[in-house]
Amino acid sequence: MSQKDVAALTVIALAAGKGTRMKSPLPKVLHPVAGRPMIEKVISASKQAGAKEVRVVVGHGQNLVRQVVEPMGVACYVQDEQLGTAHAVKCAKPETIEGDVVIMNGDHPLIEASDIKNFVEIFRDEKCDLAVVTADLKNPGEFGRIVRHRGDLAAIVEAKDASAETLKIKEVNTGIYIVKAEVLAHYLPLISNNNAKKEFYVTDLISLCIGDKKRVQPIKSTPKVAVGVNTQLELAKATRLIFKRKALKLLEDGVLMIDPRTTYVEESVEIGAGTVLYPNVFIRGRSRIGSFCVIESNSFISDTEIADSVQVRGGSYLENSKLHSKVSVGPYARLRPETEIMEEAHVGNFVEMKKVKFGKKSKAGHLTYLGDAVVGEEVNVGCGTITCNYAADKKKYQTKIGNRVFVGSDTQFIAPVEIGDDAIIGSGSTITKSVPAKALAVARGRQIVKENYTPKAVTPEVEKE
């Protein structure tokens, strides 16, 4: 079949529900699963599966939902009243769609692009008019049951409308459907709300299509695609499953984990082979970590690029930073946004940097704050050094330190100030003026010593009798 012969694919994601069981003011689909809103995961999987268009049906908290989904290039359609899944699909204007349509819920964060591709391929290979994705669950609970007759799909019965015998069925409806657009447009208006909840169920498409001898088929999948999120407990379980999935993938790729169960790496993160992750490490966002690095316990790394052979010692917090090869950081270091640590540099314990370029082989061993600074190569920054970058006019100013500068302990640089190459700054100095290359700068109060200053101890007289 040529590319031209393949029908266009559109995904309708249902995201209008309030999610009352979440007991949260946040719209349900915006709750984060392993770091990202669950609706974002559904949209990303749909696009990766080849969806030409994704239509998101919004309702409760739609302004918040729009802020997340519209930048992803999707169209939003409003469901003002939540009158059931069929009503939600109708709000997406299916009559304007051509090709094949996947209908799914926005609260299924475990769905992957490969799952959607597989469902669509089966649907097309079997030349179906309508298909529903099913799964066998040990505890079906409130899922709609798949009723078969001689092996063929006969109906989907919602749990609240099911008899005691029907409730014993383990095969359930996952809430994912694939349907030809013209079939959806024709049968959707025929659905009634003659049920216990007086809602319009998209599941009724099954009986309508079967009644008209359309080709309807169940596509059995794994239980993971049935995992929806309706409570905070289910949210936590889904997050754990995604972290576990990522950990297994990293292990397969040669990343070493001392305890994968307590290592939390978001799906968007890339880590090179040979890197060691200690327990209780959290790595998120667009972080990229090279090979042969060591990330020790209780480190938090967000949107940070780390080259090969870097050591991040325990308790360090890194965000929006860049570390070149053979850098060591921590323990208990903090690198704030726009910080870049060059090759073989060392940032020690209780050192904080913000918007700093820290030169090759330079060292800041401990108890230091550098902000809005450019530090050259082979610089030694003594303990307790501070760049005073924020002035009374509420503006930030920069400190520039040249190559091979020695900065004594307890130095304050009052920005803007520039220190030339090979200069020496005496300990305890407050530097308010630029220092030329190879100069010694000492800016502190003169020490005064007065000998024999302490008076002799006075012995109180003993009262005579």
Protein backbone atom coordinates (compact mmCIF):
# COMPACT_ATOMS: atom_id res chain seq x y z
CA MET A 1 0.00 0.00 0.00
CA SER A 2 1.45 3.36 -1.00
CA GLN A 3 1.71 6.32 1.36
CA LYS A 4 -1.11 8.03 -0.50
CA ASP A 5 -3.41 5.08 0.13
CA VAL A 6 -2.95 5.22 3.92
CA ALA A 7 -5.87 6.98 5.58
CA ALA A 8 -5.15 10.04 7.69
CA LEU A 9 -5.15 9.45 11.43
CA THR A 10 -6.86 11.77 13.91
CA VAL A 11 -6.87 11.34 17.69
CA ILE A 12 -9.68 12.65 19.88
CA ALA A 13 -8.50 12.91 23.50
CA LEU A 14 -11.22 13.33 26.12
CA ALA A 15 -10.06 15.75 28.82
CA ALA A 16 -13.15 17.59 30.02
CA GLY A 17 -13.79 15.76 33.28
CA LYS A 18 -13.38 17.35 36.69
CA GLY A 19 -11.87 14.31 38.36
CA THR A 20 -13.68 14.75 41.66
CA ARG A 21 -12.02 11.68 43.19
CA MET A 22 -8.63 13.36 42.82
CA LYS A 23 -9.83 15.84 45.49
CA SER A 24 -7.66 18.50 43.94
CA PRO A 25 -8.40 21.94 42.45
CA LEU A 26 -6.17 21.04 39.50
CA PRO A 27 -7.95 19.57 36.44
CA LYS A 28 -7.41 15.83 36.46
CA VAL A 29 -5.50 15.60 33.17
CA LEU A 30 -2.97 18.19 34.37
CA HIS A 31 -1.82 16.13 37.33
CA PRO A 32 1.82 15.19 36.72
CA VAL A 33 2.83 11.59 36.16
CA ALA A 34 6.59 11.15 36.46
CA GLY A 35 7.05 14.87 36.05
CA ARG A 36 4.74 15.74 33.14
CA PRO A 37 0.95 16.33 32.91
CA MET A 38 -0.75 13.10 31.91
CA ILE A 39 -2.55 14.75 28.98
CA GLU A 40 0.84 15.78 27.61
CA LYS A 41 1.91 12.14 27.57
CA VAL A 42 -1.23 11.14 25.66
CA ILE A 43 -0.70 13.89 23.08
CA SER A 44 2.99 13.08 22.65
CA ALA A 45 2.25 9.38 22.11
CA SER A 46 -0.45 10.25 19.57
CA LYS A 47 1.84 12.52 17.56
CA GLN A 48 4.68 10.00 17.63
CA ALA A 49 2.24 7.36 16.37
CA GLY A 50 1.62 9.45 13.26
CA ALA A 51 -1.56 11.33 14.12
CA LYS A 52 -2.11 14.09 11.60
CA GLU A 53 -4.31 15.95 14.05
CA VAL A 54 -5.05 15.72 17.78
CA ARG A 55 -8.31 17.18 19.06
CA VAL A 56 -8.59 17.66 22.81
CA VAL A 57 -12.06 17.96 24.34
CA VAL A 58 -11.83 20.36 27.29
CA GLY A 59 -14.31 21.37 29.94
CA HIS A 60 -13.46 21.70 33.62
CA GLY A 61 -10.51 24.04 34.09
CA GLN A 62 -10.25 24.49 30.35
CA ASN A 63 -8.16 27.66 30.58
CA LEU A 64 -5.46 25.79 32.48
CA VAL A 65 -5.66 22.79 30.16
CA ARG A 66 -5.37 25.00 27.08
CA GLN A 67 -2.15 26.55 28.42
CA VAL A 68 -0.58 23.09 28.44
CA VAL A 69 -1.97 21.48 25.29
CA GLU A 70 -2.27 24.30 22.76
CA PRO A 71 1.51 24.95 22.63
CA MET A 72 1.80 21.29 21.58
CA GLY A 73 -0.07 22.10 18.37
CA VAL A 74 -3.46 20.57 19.17
CA ALA A 75 -6.96 21.96 18.72
CA CYS A 76 -9.30 22.29 21.70
CA TYR A 77 -13.05 21.70 21.58
CA VAL A 78 -15.28 22.65 24.51
CA GLN A 79 -17.74 20.35 26.26
CA ASP A 80 -19.77 22.73 28.42
CA GLU A 81 -21.77 19.96 30.13
CA GLN A 82 -20.35 16.54 30.94
CA LEU A 83 -23.11 14.36 29.47
CA GLY A 84 -21.05 11.27 28.74
CA THR A 85 -18.27 10.07 26.47
CA ALA A 86 -20.37 10.09 23.29
CA HIS A 87 -21.38 13.66 23.97
CA ALA A 88 -17.70 14.56 24.49
CA VAL A 89 -16.73 12.98 21.16
CA LYS A 90 -19.56 14.83 19.45
CA CYS A 91 -18.15 18.12 20.77
CA ALA A 92 -14.95 17.41 18.78
CA LYS A 93 -16.94 17.76 15.54
CA PRO A 94 -16.14 14.32 14.08
CA GLU A 95 -18.18 15.16 10.98
CA THR A 96 -15.26 17.36 9.89
CA ILE A 97 -12.73 14.51 10.09
CA GLU A 98 -11.57 12.22 7.29
CA GLY A 99 -9.73 8.92 7.56
CA ASP A 100 -9.38 6.91 10.77
CA VAL A 101 -10.08 8.17 14.27
CA VAL A 102 -8.64 7.02 17.59
CA ILE A 103 -10.75 7.95 20.61
CA MET A 104 -9.04 7.77 23.97
CA ASN A 105 -9.11 9.31 27.43
CA GLY A 106 -6.68 12.01 28.47
CA ASP A 107 -5.96 10.24 31.77
CA HIS A 108 -4.12 7.19 30.36
CA PRO A 109 -0.48 8.18 30.92
CA LEU A 110 1.00 4.72 30.32
CA ILE A 111 -0.02 4.68 26.66
CA GLU A 112 2.93 4.66 24.25
CA ALA A 113 3.24 5.50 20.57
CA SER A 114 4.00 1.86 19.79
CA ASP A 115 0.67 0.85 21.36
CA ILE A 116 -1.32 3.27 19.21
CA LYS A 117 0.56 2.25 16.05
CA ASN A 118 -0.15 -1.40 16.77
CA PHE A 119 -3.87 -0.81 17.31
CA VAL A 120 -4.21 1.19 14.10
CA GLU A 121 -2.27 -1.39 12.07
CA ILE A 122 -4.53 -4.20 13.27
CA PHE A 123 -7.60 -2.08 12.59
CA ARG A 124 -6.48 -1.42 9.03
CA ASP A 125 -5.20 -4.93 8.32
CA GLU A 126 -8.51 -6.41 9.46
CA LYS A 127 -10.42 -3.81 7.42
CA CYS A 128 -12.55 -2.91 10.42
CA ASP A 129 -15.21 -0.26 10.62
CA LEU A 130 -14.87 -0.06 14.39
CA ALA A 131 -12.53 -1.64 16.92
CA VAL A 132 -12.28 -1.44 20.70
CA VAL A 133 -9.09 -2.15 22.63
CA THR A 134 -9.62 -4.63 25.46
CA ALA A 135 -7.55 -6.17 28.25
CA ASP A 136 -7.95 -8.89 30.86
CA LEU A 137 -7.81 -7.55 34.42
CA LYS A 138 -7.70 -9.54 37.66
CA ASN A 139 -9.91 -6.95 39.35
CA PRO A 140 -12.08 -5.30 36.66
CA GLY A 141 -13.85 -3.04 39.17
CA GLU A 142 -15.78 -0.25 37.43
CA PHE A 143 -14.54 -1.01 33.92
CA GLY A 144 -17.12 -1.78 31.25
CA ARG A 145 -17.27 -5.51 30.48
CA ILE A 146 -16.67 -7.05 27.05
CA VAL A 147 -19.53 -9.39 26.25
CA ARG A 148 -18.80 -11.96 23.54
CA HIS A 149 -21.04 -14.36 21.64
CA ARG A 150 -19.24 -17.39 20.25
CA GLY A 151 -15.99 -15.47 20.50
CA ASP A 152 -17.22 -12.42 18.62
CA LEU A 153 -17.84 -9.07 20.26
CA ALA A 154 -21.51 -8.70 21.14
CA ALA A 155 -21.62 -5.61 23.37
CA ILE A 156 -19.91 -3.51 26.00
CA VAL A 157 -21.83 -3.25 29.24
CA GLU A 158 -21.02 -0.52 31.75
CA ALA A 159 -20.40 -1.82 35.27
CA LYS A 160 -23.32 0.13 36.74
CA ASP A 161 -25.67 -1.37 34.17
CA ALA A 162 -24.26 -4.92 34.36
CA SER A 163 -25.88 -7.97 35.94
CA ALA A 164 -24.07 -9.98 38.59
CA GLU A 165 -23.16 -12.59 35.95
CA THR A 166 -21.77 -9.97 33.56
CA LEU A 167 -19.66 -8.47 36.34
CA LYS A 168 -17.76 -11.76 36.56
CA ILE A 169 -16.22 -11.11 33.12
CA LYS A 170 -12.51 -10.22 33.34
CA GLU A 171 -12.12 -8.75 29.85
CA VAL A 172 -12.73 -5.01 29.96
CA ASN A 173 -13.02 -2.00 27.73
CA THR A 174 -9.84 0.13 28.01
CA GLY A 175 -11.62 3.20 26.66
CA ILE A 176 -9.64 3.22 23.42
CA TYR A 177 -11.51 2.98 20.11
CA ILE A 178 -10.49 3.07 16.46
CA VAL A 179 -13.21 3.93 13.98
CA LYS A 180 -13.60 5.10 10.42
CA ALA A 181 -14.50 8.78 10.41
CA GLU A 182 -17.59 8.33 8.29
CA VAL A 183 -18.85 5.55 10.57
CA LEU A 184 -18.35 7.75 13.63
CA ALA A 185 -20.15 10.70 12.01
CA HIS A 186 -23.12 8.53 11.01
CA TYR A 187 -23.72 6.58 14.23
CA LEU A 188 -22.76 9.10 16.91
CA PRO A 189 -26.06 11.06 16.60
CA LEU A 190 -28.01 7.79 17.00
CA ILE A 191 -26.76 7.12 20.53
CA SER A 192 -29.35 7.60 23.30
CA ASN A 193 -28.99 8.10 27.05
CA ASN A 194 -31.22 5.21 28.10
CA ASN A 195 -29.04 3.99 30.98
CA ALA A 196 -28.63 4.29 34.75
CA LYS A 197 -26.63 7.53 34.61
CA LYS A 198 -28.66 9.13 31.78
CA GLU A 199 -25.47 9.76 29.83
CA PHE A 200 -24.50 9.23 26.21
CA TYR A 201 -21.98 6.38 26.06
CA VAL A 202 -19.58 6.01 23.16
CA THR A 203 -19.69 2.27 23.89
CA ASP A 204 -23.13 2.18 22.32
CA LEU A 205 -21.42 2.55 18.95
CA ILE A 206 -20.63 -1.17 19.25
CA SER A 207 -24.24 -2.38 19.31
CA LEU A 208 -25.31 0.10 16.65
CA CYS A 209 -22.58 -1.00 14.25
CA ILE A 210 -23.12 -4.68 14.96
CA GLY A 211 -26.82 -4.24 14.31
CA ASP A 212 -26.02 -2.84 10.87
CA LYS A 213 -23.56 -5.66 10.08
CA LYS A 214 -20.53 -3.42 10.23
CA ARG A 215 -17.15 -5.06 10.81
CA VAL A 216 -16.55 -4.62 14.56
CA GLN A 217 -13.64 -6.27 16.30
CA PRO A 218 -12.00 -6.24 19.75
CA ILE A 219 -8.20 -5.76 19.85
CA LYS A 220 -6.81 -7.39 22.97
CA SER A 221 -3.86 -5.63 24.57
CA THR A 222 -1.94 -5.66 27.84
CA PRO A 223 -3.38 -4.41 31.15
CA LYS A 224 -1.14 -1.31 31.14
CA VAL A 225 -3.23 0.41 28.44
CA ALA A 226 -6.25 0.11 30.71
CA VAL A 227 -4.53 2.06 33.49
CA GLY A 228 -6.41 5.30 33.98
CA VAL A 229 -5.92 7.79 36.78
CA ASN A 230 -8.91 8.73 38.92
CA THR A 231 -7.40 9.05 42.42
CA GLN A 232 -4.18 10.25 43.97
CA LEU A 233 -3.30 6.64 44.74
CA GLU A 234 -3.68 5.69 41.08
CA LEU A 235 -1.60 8.74 40.16
CA ALA A 236 1.20 7.56 42.43
CA LYS A 237 1.01 4.03 41.01
CA ALA A 238 1.18 5.32 37.43
CA THR A 239 4.19 7.46 38.30
CA ARG A 240 5.94 4.48 39.86
CA LEU A 241 5.28 2.35 36.78
CA ILE A 242 6.71 5.00 34.43
CA PHE A 243 9.83 5.44 36.58
CA LYS A 244 10.23 1.66 36.63
CA ARG A 245 9.85 1.49 32.84
CA LYS A 246 12.51 4.18 32.40
CA ALA A 247 14.86 2.46 34.86
CA LEU A 248 14.60 -0.84 32.99
CA LYS A 249 15.36 0.93 29.71
CA LEU A 250 18.43 2.60 31.20
CA LEU A 251 19.67 -0.70 32.61
CA GLU A 252 19.33 -2.25 29.16
CA ASP A 253 21.39 0.63 27.77
CA GLY A 254 24.27 0.04 30.19
CA VAL A 255 23.51 2.52 32.97
CA LEU A 256 24.41 1.20 36.43
CA MET A 257 21.85 1.59 39.21
CA ILE A 258 22.53 0.51 42.76
CA ASP A 259 18.79 0.34 43.48
CA PRO A 260 16.49 0.95 40.48
CA ARG A 261 13.46 1.05 42.78
CA THR A 262 14.65 4.29 44.39
CA THR A 263 16.13 5.97 41.32
CA TYR A 264 13.80 8.46 39.64
CA VAL A 265 14.58 9.42 36.06
CA GLU A 266 11.99 11.09 33.85
CA GLU A 267 11.32 9.73 30.37
CA SER A 268 12.84 12.76 28.62
CA VAL A 269 16.27 12.27 30.23
CA GLU A 270 19.23 10.74 28.35
CA ILE A 271 22.07 8.98 30.19
CA GLY A 272 25.20 7.39 28.69
CA ALA A 273 26.47 3.86 29.29
CA GLY A 274 28.74 3.31 32.26
CA THR A 275 27.20 6.07 34.39
CA VAL A 276 26.40 5.08 37.98
CA LEU A 277 23.22 6.28 39.69
CA TYR A 278 23.03 5.96 43.45
CA PRO A 279 19.73 5.51 45.35
CA ASN A 280 17.43 8.50 45.80
CA VAL A 281 18.62 10.34 42.72
CA PHE A 282 16.05 12.47 40.85
CA ILE A 283 16.81 13.51 37.26
CA ARG A 284 14.21 15.40 35.26
CA GLY A 285 13.37 17.53 32.24
CA ARG A 286 15.80 17.91 29.36
CA SER A 287 18.80 16.65 31.31
CA ARG A 288 21.56 14.95 29.31
CA ILE A 289 24.22 12.97 31.15
CA GLY A 290 27.24 11.47 29.45
CA SER A 291 29.11 8.21 30.05
CA PHE A 292 31.13 7.15 33.11
CA CYS A 293 29.58 9.74 35.41
CA VAL A 294 28.77 9.13 39.07
CA ILE A 295 25.60 10.68 40.50
CA GLU A 296 25.51 10.15 44.25
CA SER A 297 22.49 9.89 46.55
CA ASN A 298 20.03 12.72 47.17
CA SER A 299 21.12 14.69 44.11
CA PHE A 300 18.47 16.59 42.12
CA ILE A 301 19.28 17.37 38.49
CA SER A 302 16.91 19.38 36.30
CA ASP A 303 17.37 20.48 32.65
CA THR A 304 21.14 20.14 32.99
CA GLU A 305 23.73 18.97 30.47
CA ILE A 306 26.53 16.86 31.94
CA ALA A 307 29.48 15.63 29.87
CA ASP A 308 31.49 12.42 30.38
CA SER A 309 33.33 11.46 33.58
CA VAL A 310 31.60 13.97 35.84
CA GLN A 311 31.08 13.34 39.54
CA VAL A 312 28.05 14.82 41.27
CA ARG A 313 28.44 14.14 44.97
CA GLY A 314 25.59 13.61 47.40
CA GLY A 315 23.00 16.23 48.17
CA SER A 316 23.76 18.48 45.19
CA TYR A 317 21.07 20.49 43.38
CA LEU A 318 21.64 21.32 39.71
CA GLU A 319 19.23 23.22 37.47
CA ASN A 320 19.58 24.62 33.94
CA SER A 321 23.35 24.28 34.05
CA LYS A 322 26.13 22.78 31.94
CA LEU A 323 29.03 20.70 33.23
CA HIS A 324 31.95 19.83 30.98
CA SER A 325 34.03 16.65 31.24
CA LYS A 326 35.85 15.58 34.42
CA VAL A 327 34.09 18.15 36.60
CA SER A 328 33.39 17.35 40.25
CA VAL A 329 30.51 18.98 42.11
CA GLY A 330 29.49 18.75 45.75
CA PRO A 331 28.64 17.34 48.15
CA TYR A 332 25.84 19.78 48.89
CA ALA A 333 26.56 22.14 46.00
CA ARG A 334 23.92 24.19 44.23
CA LEU A 335 24.19 25.25 40.61
CA ARG A 336 21.44 27.64 39.56
CA PRO A 337 20.36 28.54 36.00
CA GLU A 338 22.85 29.64 33.34
CA THR A 339 25.87 28.24 35.15
CA GLU A 340 28.61 26.55 33.13
CA ILE A 341 31.45 24.61 34.74
CA MET A 342 34.40 24.03 32.42
CA GLU A 343 36.63 20.94 32.17
CA GLU A 344 38.27 19.54 35.31
CA ALA A 345 36.91 22.29 37.54
CA HIS A 346 35.84 21.59 41.10
CA VAL A 347 32.83 23.03 42.89
CA GLY A 348 32.90 21.89 46.50
CA ASN A 349 30.55 21.52 49.42
CA PHE A 350 28.12 24.32 50.23
CA VAL A 351 29.08 26.31 47.14
CA GLU A 352 26.32 28.10 45.25
CA MET A 353 26.65 29.52 41.74
CA LYS A 354 24.18 31.42 39.61
CA LYS A 355 24.80 32.62 36.05
CA VAL A 356 28.49 31.84 36.30
CA LYS A 357 31.06 30.64 33.79
CA PHE A 358 33.65 28.82 35.90
CA GLY A 359 36.92 28.20 34.09
CA LYS A 360 38.89 25.07 33.35
CA LYS A 361 40.70 23.55 36.39
CA SER A 362 39.41 26.28 38.68
CA LYS A 363 38.38 25.44 42.24
CA ALA A 364 35.86 26.74 44.73
CA GLY A 365 36.24 24.32 47.60
CA HIS A 366 33.58 25.32 50.09
CA LEU A 367 31.19 27.87 51.55
CA THR A 368 31.17 30.26 48.60
CA TYR A 369 28.58 32.20 46.60
CA LEU A 370 29.34 33.30 43.03
CA GLY A 371 26.62 35.06 41.06
CA ASP A 372 26.77 36.86 37.71
CA ALA A 373 30.47 36.10 37.34
CA VAL A 374 33.04 34.99 34.77
CA VAL A 375 35.92 33.09 36.35
CA GLY A 376 39.03 32.22 34.33
CA GLU A 377 41.17 29.07 34.29
CA GLU A 378 43.11 27.64 37.25
CA VAL A 379 41.58 30.08 39.70
CA ASN A 380 41.53 29.26 43.40
CA VAL A 381 38.51 30.69 45.19
CA GLY A 382 38.95 30.62 48.96
CA CYS A 383 36.36 29.68 51.55
CA GLY A 384 33.67 32.25 52.27
CA THR A 385 34.09 34.23 49.05
CA ILE A 386 31.07 36.21 47.86
CA THR A 387 30.28 38.19 44.73
CA CYS A 388 28.00 41.03 45.78
CA ASN A 389 26.13 41.19 42.50
CA TYR A 390 22.83 42.75 43.59
CA ALA A 391 23.01 46.48 44.23
CA ALA A 392 20.77 49.03 45.93
CA ASP A 393 19.42 50.09 42.54
CA LYS A 394 17.93 46.57 42.25
CA LYS A 395 20.15 45.67 39.30
CA LYS A 396 22.61 42.79 38.89
CA TYR A 397 26.27 43.50 38.10
CA GLN A 398 29.03 41.21 36.92
CA THR A 399 32.35 40.18 38.44
CA LYS A 400 35.17 39.14 36.10
CA ILE A 401 38.13 37.16 37.41
CA GLY A 402 41.06 36.39 35.13
CA ASN A 403 43.22 33.28 34.82
CA ARG A 404 45.34 31.87 37.67
CA VAL A 405 43.96 34.34 40.21
CA PHE A 406 44.30 33.44 43.89
CA VAL A 407 41.35 34.61 45.95
CA GLY A 408 41.92 34.47 49.68
CA SER A 409 39.22 33.31 52.06
CA ASP A 410 36.43 35.63 53.20
CA THR A 411 36.66 37.95 50.19
CA GLN A 412 33.78 40.08 48.97
CA PHE A 413 33.76 41.36 45.38
CA ILE A 414 31.51 44.42 45.08
CA ALA A 415 30.35 44.19 41.46
CA PRO A 416 30.98 45.49 38.89
CA VAL A 417 34.66 44.70 39.33
CA GLU A 418 37.36 43.02 37.23
CA ILE A 419 40.42 41.11 38.43
CA GLY A 420 43.34 40.70 36.04
CA ASP A 421 45.33 37.52 35.35
CA ASP A 422 47.67 36.16 38.06
CA ALA A 423 46.43 38.65 40.67
CA ILE A 424 46.31 37.81 44.37
CA ILE A 425 43.48 38.90 46.64
CA GLY A 426 44.34 38.93 50.34
CA SER A 427 42.05 37.10 52.73
CA GLY A 428 39.31 39.15 54.33
CA SER A 429 39.32 41.77 51.58
CA THR A 430 36.36 43.77 50.34
CA ILE A 431 37.21 44.54 46.73
CA THR A 432 35.44 47.62 45.35
CA LYS A 433 37.84 48.53 42.54
CA SER A 434 39.30 46.55 39.65
CA VAL A 435 42.68 44.88 40.25
CA PRO A 436 45.30 44.81 37.46
CA ALA A 437 47.12 41.66 36.37
CA LYS A 438 49.83 40.27 38.70
CA ALA A 439 48.87 42.70 41.47
CA LEU A 440 48.26 42.07 45.15
CA ALA A 441 45.05 43.57 46.53
CA VAL A 442 44.38 43.80 50.23
CA ALA A 443 41.34 45.74 51.38
CA ARG A 444 40.72 45.35 55.07
CA GLY A 445 41.06 47.30 58.26
CA ARG A 446 44.59 47.66 59.67
CA GLN A 447 45.26 45.33 62.60
CA ILE A 448 46.10 47.13 65.81
CA VAL A 449 47.91 45.33 68.67
CA LYS A 450 48.27 46.92 72.10
CA GLU A 451 50.56 44.96 74.33
CA ASN A 452 49.94 44.58 78.05
CA TYR A 453 46.38 45.82 77.49
CA THR A 454 44.58 43.35 79.71
CA PRO A 455 44.61 44.66 83.32
CA LYS A 456 45.79 42.43 86.11
CA ALA A 457 43.15 40.57 87.96
CA VAL A 458 41.98 42.47 90.99
CA THR A 459 41.91 40.42 94.16
CA PRO A 460 39.07 41.52 96.42
CA GLU A 461 40.15 42.52 99.89
CA VAL A 462 39.16 40.21 102.73
CA GLU A 463 37.23 42.07 105.32
CA LYS A 464 39.25 42.25 108.48
CA GLU A 465 37.65 41.06 111.69
